[in-house]
Amino acid sequence: MCIISLKSNTYAQKVRNILRNYGMNVEIIRLEPQKTKHGCSYGISFQCERLYYVKTILNQNNIDYVEI
C-alpha cells in the first residue's frame, strides 16, 4: 500500500471523496506526525500500482499533498 500524507483530517476527507468519485478504493488512515517529514497526521492509503493515476487526479483537481 502507498500513502499520501495530508495536513488535516478535513483535507483527507476531501481527497478521499475525490478519489472515490474516480472509482478508487481508498481509506483515510491516521499517521504518527513525528514519522512524516512535515508532521502530517492523516493520510490516504491506496494500491501502489495506482500511484500515477492518483497523482494525475490530484493534480487535475489542484490538490496539494505533502509526501507519498
Protein backbone atom coordinates (compact mmCIF):
# COMPACT_ATOMS: atom_id res chain seq x y z
CA MET A 1 0.00 0.00 0.00
CA CYS A 2 1.07 3.56 -0.70
CA ILE A 3 0.15 6.50 1.50
CA ILE A 4 -0.24 10.18 0.66
CA SER A 5 0.22 12.32 3.76
CA LEU A 6 -2.08 15.30 4.16
CA LYS A 7 -2.24 18.25 6.52
CA SER A 8 -5.60 17.59 8.20
CA ASN A 9 -8.47 15.15 8.57
CA THR A 10 -10.78 17.53 6.71
CA TYR A 11 -8.38 17.67 3.77
CA ALA A 12 -8.00 13.87 3.87
CA GLN A 13 -11.79 13.51 3.66
CA LYS A 14 -11.90 15.84 0.65
CA VAL A 15 -9.16 13.85 -1.12
CA ARG A 16 -10.83 10.52 -0.26
CA ASN A 17 -14.12 11.75 -1.76
CA ILE A 18 -12.44 12.97 -4.95
CA LEU A 19 -10.58 9.69 -5.44
CA ARG A 20 -13.70 7.64 -4.73
CA ASN A 21 -15.56 9.67 -7.36
CA TYR A 22 -12.96 8.28 -9.80
CA GLY A 23 -13.79 4.75 -8.64
CA MET A 24 -10.75 4.27 -6.45
CA ASN A 25 -10.81 2.20 -3.29
CA VAL A 26 -9.03 4.42 -0.74
CA GLU A 27 -9.08 4.83 3.02
CA ILE A 28 -8.15 7.58 5.46
CA ILE A 29 -5.52 6.47 7.93
CA ARG A 30 -4.05 8.12 11.00
CA LEU A 31 -0.29 8.76 10.81
CA GLU A 32 2.23 9.37 13.53
CA PRO A 33 3.21 13.03 12.90
CA GLN A 34 6.80 12.51 14.04
CA LYS A 35 7.26 9.91 11.28
CA THR A 36 6.38 12.26 8.42
CA LYS A 37 8.60 14.99 7.02
CA HIS A 38 6.15 17.79 7.79
CA GLY A 39 4.29 16.43 10.82
CA CYS A 40 1.19 15.33 8.92
CA SER A 41 -1.19 13.23 10.95
CA TYR A 42 -3.60 11.93 8.28
CA GLY A 43 -3.14 10.11 5.04
CA ILE A 44 -4.88 8.27 2.25
CA SER A 45 -3.88 4.68 1.54
CA PHE A 46 -4.23 3.13 -1.90
CA GLN A 47 -2.73 0.42 -4.10
CA CYS A 48 0.77 1.47 -5.20
CA GLU A 49 0.14 0.38 -8.80
CA ARG A 50 -2.38 3.26 -8.95
CA LEU A 51 0.21 5.89 -7.96
CA TYR A 52 0.45 7.61 -11.36
CA TYR A 53 -3.36 7.69 -11.63
CA VAL A 54 -3.72 9.15 -8.12
CA LYS A 55 -1.11 11.84 -8.78
CA THR A 56 -2.84 12.74 -12.05
CA ILE A 57 -6.24 13.07 -10.36
CA LEU A 58 -4.82 15.19 -7.55
CA ASN A 59 -3.02 17.48 -9.99
CA GLN A 60 -6.15 17.88 -12.13
CA ASN A 61 -8.12 18.86 -9.01
CA ASN A 62 -5.43 21.26 -7.69
CA ILE A 63 -4.90 19.15 -4.57
CA ASP A 64 -1.66 19.72 -2.72
CA TYR A 65 -0.18 16.74 -0.93
CA VAL A 66 2.84 16.70 1.30
CA GLU A 67 4.55 13.41 0.51
CA ILE A 68 3.93 9.89 -0.71
